Amino acid sequence: MPVNRSGQVINVQATDSIVGATIDAQVGNTTQVIDPMGKTFAKFAQLSAKDALKNAQIRTDTTAGGVIGASKTALLVTASDIDLQATAQSLKLLSDAYNKQQPKTPAQ
């Protein structure tokens, strides 16, 4: 695969959904796994408990270029405890299913 001037490989992947394929890149004896959904599912995993979901906040005043000064936040979700528990459980199941599908790294 060709590289650009700074030695970077640029790989553009067409998909039919938001899910990208995991790519194993190998240079010599070193393998790097590129998982485009890894960070997303790690964030899901952090919200898989009712209290974590209940206390999750988002920035409300971000504009192009960022925020100057103190950032304002709001709760990510406002819902009943029953809805929060159901949502947290769903996120946990989704995260667990994702983790079960990850390839196992062979022992070296």
C-alpha atoms as a PDB file:
ATOM      1  CA  MET A   1       0.000   0.000   0.000  1.00  0.00           C
ATOM      2  CA  PRO A   2       1.470   3.413  -0.898  1.00  0.00           C
ATOM      3  CA  VAL A   3       2.348   5.972   1.771  1.00  0.00           C
ATOM      4  CA  ASN A   4       2.257   9.773   1.716  1.00  0.00           C
ATOM      5  CA  ARG A   5       5.277  12.086   2.234  1.00  0.00           C
ATOM      6  CA  SER A   6       5.241  11.659   6.006  1.00  0.00           C
ATOM      7  CA  GLY A   7       5.050   7.870   5.773  1.00  0.00           C
ATOM      8  CA  GLN A   8       1.359   7.614   6.605  1.00  0.00           C
ATOM      9  CA  VAL A   9      -0.919   5.083   4.988  1.00  0.00           C
ATOM     10  CA  ILE A  10      -4.342   6.467   4.160  1.00  0.00           C
ATOM     11  CA  ASN A  11      -7.043   3.838   3.881  1.00  0.00           C
ATOM     12  CA  VAL A  12     -10.563   4.904   2.943  1.00  0.00           C
ATOM     13  CA  GLN A  13     -13.170   2.253   3.523  1.00  0.00           C
ATOM     14  CA  ALA A  14     -16.644   2.340   1.999  1.00  0.00           C
ATOM     15  CA  THR A  15     -19.336   0.832   4.235  1.00  0.00           C
ATOM     16  CA  ASP A  16     -23.084   0.377   4.117  1.00  0.00           C
ATOM     17  CA  SER A  17     -23.445   1.388   7.776  1.00  0.00           C
ATOM     18  CA  ILE A  18     -21.584   3.224  10.539  1.00  0.00           C
ATOM     19  CA  VAL A  19     -19.601   0.084  11.329  1.00  0.00           C
ATOM     20  CA  GLY A  20     -16.125  -0.140   9.837  1.00  0.00           C
ATOM     21  CA  ALA A  21     -14.098  -3.302   9.512  1.00  0.00           C
ATOM     22  CA  THR A  22     -11.222  -3.946  11.888  1.00  0.00           C
ATOM     23  CA  ILE A  23      -7.904  -3.733  10.054  1.00  0.00           C
ATOM     24  CA  ASP A  24      -4.682  -5.503  11.035  1.00  0.00           C
ATOM     25  CA  ALA A  25      -1.655  -3.581   9.737  1.00  0.00           C
ATOM     26  CA  GLN A  26       1.719  -5.299   9.871  1.00  0.00           C
ATOM     27  CA  VAL A  27       5.140  -3.725   9.394  1.00  0.00           C
ATOM     28  CA  GLY A  28       7.927  -6.229   9.848  1.00  0.00           C
ATOM     29  CA  ASN A  29       7.167  -8.174  13.031  1.00  0.00           C
ATOM     30  CA  THR A  30       4.889  -5.501  14.487  1.00  0.00           C
ATOM     31  CA  THR A  31       1.117  -5.710  14.063  1.00  0.00           C
ATOM     32  CA  GLN A  32      -1.217  -2.818  14.811  1.00  0.00           C
ATOM     33  CA  VAL A  33      -4.976  -3.399  15.084  1.00  0.00           C
ATOM     34  CA  ILE A  34      -7.131  -0.517  13.856  1.00  0.00           C
ATOM     35  CA  ASP A  35     -10.647  -0.788  15.238  1.00  0.00           C
ATOM     36  CA  PRO A  36     -12.836   2.144  14.133  1.00  0.00           C
ATOM     37  CA  MET A  37     -15.601   1.204  16.596  1.00  0.00           C
ATOM     38  CA  GLY A  38     -13.350   0.510  19.604  1.00  0.00           C
ATOM     39  CA  LYS A  39     -13.579   3.977  21.188  1.00  0.00           C
ATOM     40  CA  THR A  40     -17.333   4.120  20.645  1.00  0.00           C
ATOM     41  CA  PHE A  41     -17.938   0.827  22.427  1.00  0.00           C
ATOM     42  CA  ALA A  42     -15.547   1.807  25.214  1.00  0.00           C
ATOM     43  CA  LYS A  43     -17.748   4.874  25.797  1.00  0.00           C
ATOM     44  CA  PHE A  44     -20.861   2.678  25.755  1.00  0.00           C
ATOM     45  CA  ALA A  45     -19.272   0.449  28.389  1.00  0.00           C
ATOM     46  CA  GLN A  46     -18.758   3.469  30.667  1.00  0.00           C
ATOM     47  CA  LEU A  47     -22.509   4.180  30.536  1.00  0.00           C
ATOM     48  CA  SER A  48     -23.671   0.626  31.218  1.00  0.00           C
ATOM     49  CA  ALA A  49     -24.578   1.361  34.838  1.00  0.00           C
ATOM     50  CA  LYS A  50     -27.679   3.365  35.762  1.00  0.00           C
ATOM     51  CA  ASP A  51     -25.809   5.888  37.938  1.00  0.00           C
ATOM     52  CA  ALA A  52     -23.146   6.482  35.291  1.00  0.00           C
ATOM     53  CA  LEU A  53     -25.825   7.142  32.679  1.00  0.00           C
ATOM     54  CA  LYS A  54     -27.791   9.337  35.089  1.00  0.00           C
ATOM     55  CA  ASN A  55     -24.712  11.479  35.843  1.00  0.00           C
ATOM     56  CA  ALA A  56     -23.348  11.664  32.281  1.00  0.00           C
ATOM     57  CA  GLN A  57     -23.065  15.211  30.972  1.00  0.00           C
ATOM     58  CA  ILE A  58     -22.494  16.876  27.615  1.00  0.00           C
ATOM     59  CA  ARG A  59     -21.145  20.302  26.739  1.00  0.00           C
ATOM     60  CA  THR A  60     -23.892  22.634  25.586  1.00  0.00           C
ATOM     61  CA  ASP A  61     -21.915  25.633  24.358  1.00  0.00           C
ATOM     62  CA  THR A  62     -19.385  24.115  21.970  1.00  0.00           C
ATOM     63  CA  THR A  63     -19.078  25.943  18.662  1.00  0.00           C
ATOM     64  CA  ALA A  64     -16.730  25.626  15.720  1.00  0.00           C
ATOM     65  CA  GLY A  65     -13.282  26.186  17.148  1.00  0.00           C
ATOM     66  CA  GLY A  66     -14.152  25.088  20.685  1.00  0.00           C
ATOM     67  CA  VAL A  67     -15.082  26.936  23.853  1.00  0.00           C
ATOM     68  CA  ILE A  68     -13.401  29.969  25.403  1.00  0.00           C
ATOM     69  CA  GLY A  69     -13.663  30.082  29.177  1.00  0.00           C
ATOM     70  CA  ALA A  70     -15.720  27.771  31.346  1.00  0.00           C
ATOM     71  CA  SER A  71     -17.796  25.195  29.513  1.00  0.00           C
ATOM     72  CA  LYS A  72     -21.511  24.819  30.207  1.00  0.00           C
ATOM     73  CA  THR A  73     -22.923  21.326  30.595  1.00  0.00           C
ATOM     74  CA  ALA A  74     -26.253  19.565  30.835  1.00  0.00           C
ATOM     75  CA  LEU A  75     -27.303  16.034  31.642  1.00  0.00           C
ATOM     76  CA  LEU A  76     -26.998  13.652  28.697  1.00  0.00           C
ATOM     77  CA  VAL A  77     -30.329  12.032  29.593  1.00  0.00           C
ATOM     78  CA  THR A  78     -33.228  12.984  31.783  1.00  0.00           C
ATOM     79  CA  ALA A  79     -35.400   9.966  32.399  1.00  0.00           C
ATOM     80  CA  SER A  80     -36.970   7.896  35.126  1.00  0.00           C
ATOM     81  CA  ASP A  81     -34.892   5.400  37.071  1.00  0.00           C
ATOM     82  CA  ILE A  82     -36.698   2.554  35.275  1.00  0.00           C
ATOM     83  CA  ASP A  83     -35.828   3.998  31.840  1.00  0.00           C
ATOM     84  CA  LEU A  84     -32.251   4.705  32.924  1.00  0.00           C
ATOM     85  CA  GLN A  85     -31.843   1.127  34.165  1.00  0.00           C
ATOM     86  CA  ALA A  86     -33.289  -0.301  30.928  1.00  0.00           C
ATOM     87  CA  THR A  87     -31.048   1.903  28.791  1.00  0.00           C
ATOM     88  CA  ALA A  88     -27.951   1.086  30.854  1.00  0.00           C
ATOM     89  CA  GLN A  89     -28.740  -2.629  30.580  1.00  0.00           C
ATOM     90  CA  SER A  90     -29.156  -2.321  26.800  1.00  0.00           C
ATOM     91  CA  LEU A  91     -25.808  -0.520  26.508  1.00  0.00           C
ATOM     92  CA  LYS A  92     -24.190  -3.260  28.598  1.00  0.00           C
ATOM     93  CA  LEU A  93     -25.642  -5.991  26.366  1.00  0.00           C
ATOM     94  CA  LEU A  94     -24.491  -4.131  23.250  1.00  0.00           C
ATOM     95  CA  SER A  95     -20.998  -3.662  24.678  1.00  0.00           C
ATOM     96  CA  ASP A  96     -20.813  -7.322  25.783  1.00  0.00           C
ATOM     97  CA  ALA A  97     -21.875  -8.519  22.328  1.00  0.00           C
ATOM     98  CA  TYR A  98     -19.229  -6.318  20.706  1.00  0.00           C
ATOM     99  CA  ASN A  99     -16.519  -7.586  23.049  1.00  0.00           C
ATOM    100  CA  LYS A 100     -17.440 -11.230  22.378  1.00  0.00           C
ATOM    101  CA  GLN A 101     -16.922 -10.650  18.656  1.00  0.00           C
ATOM    102  CA  GLN A 102     -13.421  -9.244  19.058  1.00  0.00           C
ATOM    103  CA  PRO A 103     -10.639 -11.519  17.856  1.00  0.00           C
ATOM    104  CA  LYS A 104      -8.618 -13.100  20.608  1.00  0.00           C
ATOM    105  CA  THR A 105      -4.958 -12.069  20.599  1.00  0.00           C
ATOM    106  CA  PRO A 106      -2.729 -15.161  20.345  1.00  0.00           C
ATOM    107  CA  ALA A 107      -0.241 -15.688  23.162  1.00  0.00           C
ATOM    108  CA  GLN A 108       3.351 -14.939  22.161  1.00  0.00           C
END
